[in-house]
Amino acid sequence: MKKVCGFALFWIAIGMFIMMMLPNLVWGVILLLIFVILGYRLFCC
């Protein structure tokens, strides 16, 4: 379980870094929605 939590925290940090590099909030929200849907599909299916 510690490995799964570490993996999730690592990718959360990568996502925060990418959000800092994006010029505006709209692109960040669009990417967030795409990745949440994709992650849900990969995890549940």
Protein backbone atom coordinates (compact mmCIF):
# COMPACT_ATOMS: atom_id res chain seq x y z
CA MET A 1 0.00 0.00 0.00
CA LYS A 2 2.91 2.37 0.68
CA LYS A 3 4.13 1.89 -2.88
CA VAL A 4 0.70 2.81 -4.31
CA CYS A 5 0.51 5.95 -2.14
CA GLY A 6 4.04 6.92 -3.14
CA PHE A 7 3.22 6.41 -6.81
CA ALA A 8 0.11 8.57 -6.51
CA LEU A 9 1.95 11.34 -4.65
CA PHE A 10 4.74 11.32 -7.23
CA TRP A 11 2.29 11.87 -10.08
CA ILE A 12 0.38 14.51 -8.14
CA ALA A 13 3.66 16.40 -7.80
CA ILE A 14 4.35 16.03 -11.53
CA GLY A 15 0.86 17.37 -12.24
CA MET A 16 1.40 20.38 -9.99
CA PHE A 17 4.66 21.12 -11.80
CA ILE A 18 2.92 20.95 -15.19
CA MET A 19 0.14 23.25 -13.93
CA MET A 20 2.74 25.86 -12.95
CA MET A 21 4.14 25.77 -16.50
CA LEU A 22 0.78 26.25 -18.26
CA PRO A 23 0.02 29.85 -19.25
CA ASN A 24 -3.65 29.90 -18.23
CA LEU A 25 -6.11 28.05 -16.05
CA VAL A 26 -8.42 26.85 -18.83
CA TRP A 27 -5.85 24.45 -20.30
CA GLY A 28 -5.11 23.12 -16.82
CA VAL A 29 -8.78 22.39 -16.15
CA ILE A 30 -9.17 20.68 -19.54
CA LEU A 31 -6.12 18.49 -18.90
CA LEU A 32 -7.34 17.75 -15.39
CA LEU A 33 -10.70 16.51 -16.66
CA ILE A 34 -9.11 14.38 -19.38
CA PHE A 35 -6.69 12.74 -16.96
CA VAL A 36 -9.35 12.14 -14.29
CA ILE A 37 -11.61 10.41 -16.82
CA LEU A 38 -8.70 8.42 -18.25
CA GLY A 39 -7.49 7.39 -14.79
CA TYR A 40 -10.99 6.33 -13.78
CA ARG A 41 -11.37 4.22 -16.94
CA LEU A 42 -7.97 2.56 -16.45
CA PHE A 43 -8.56 1.89 -12.74
CA CYS A 44 -12.13 0.58 -12.98
CA CYS A 45 -12.04 -1.33 -16.27
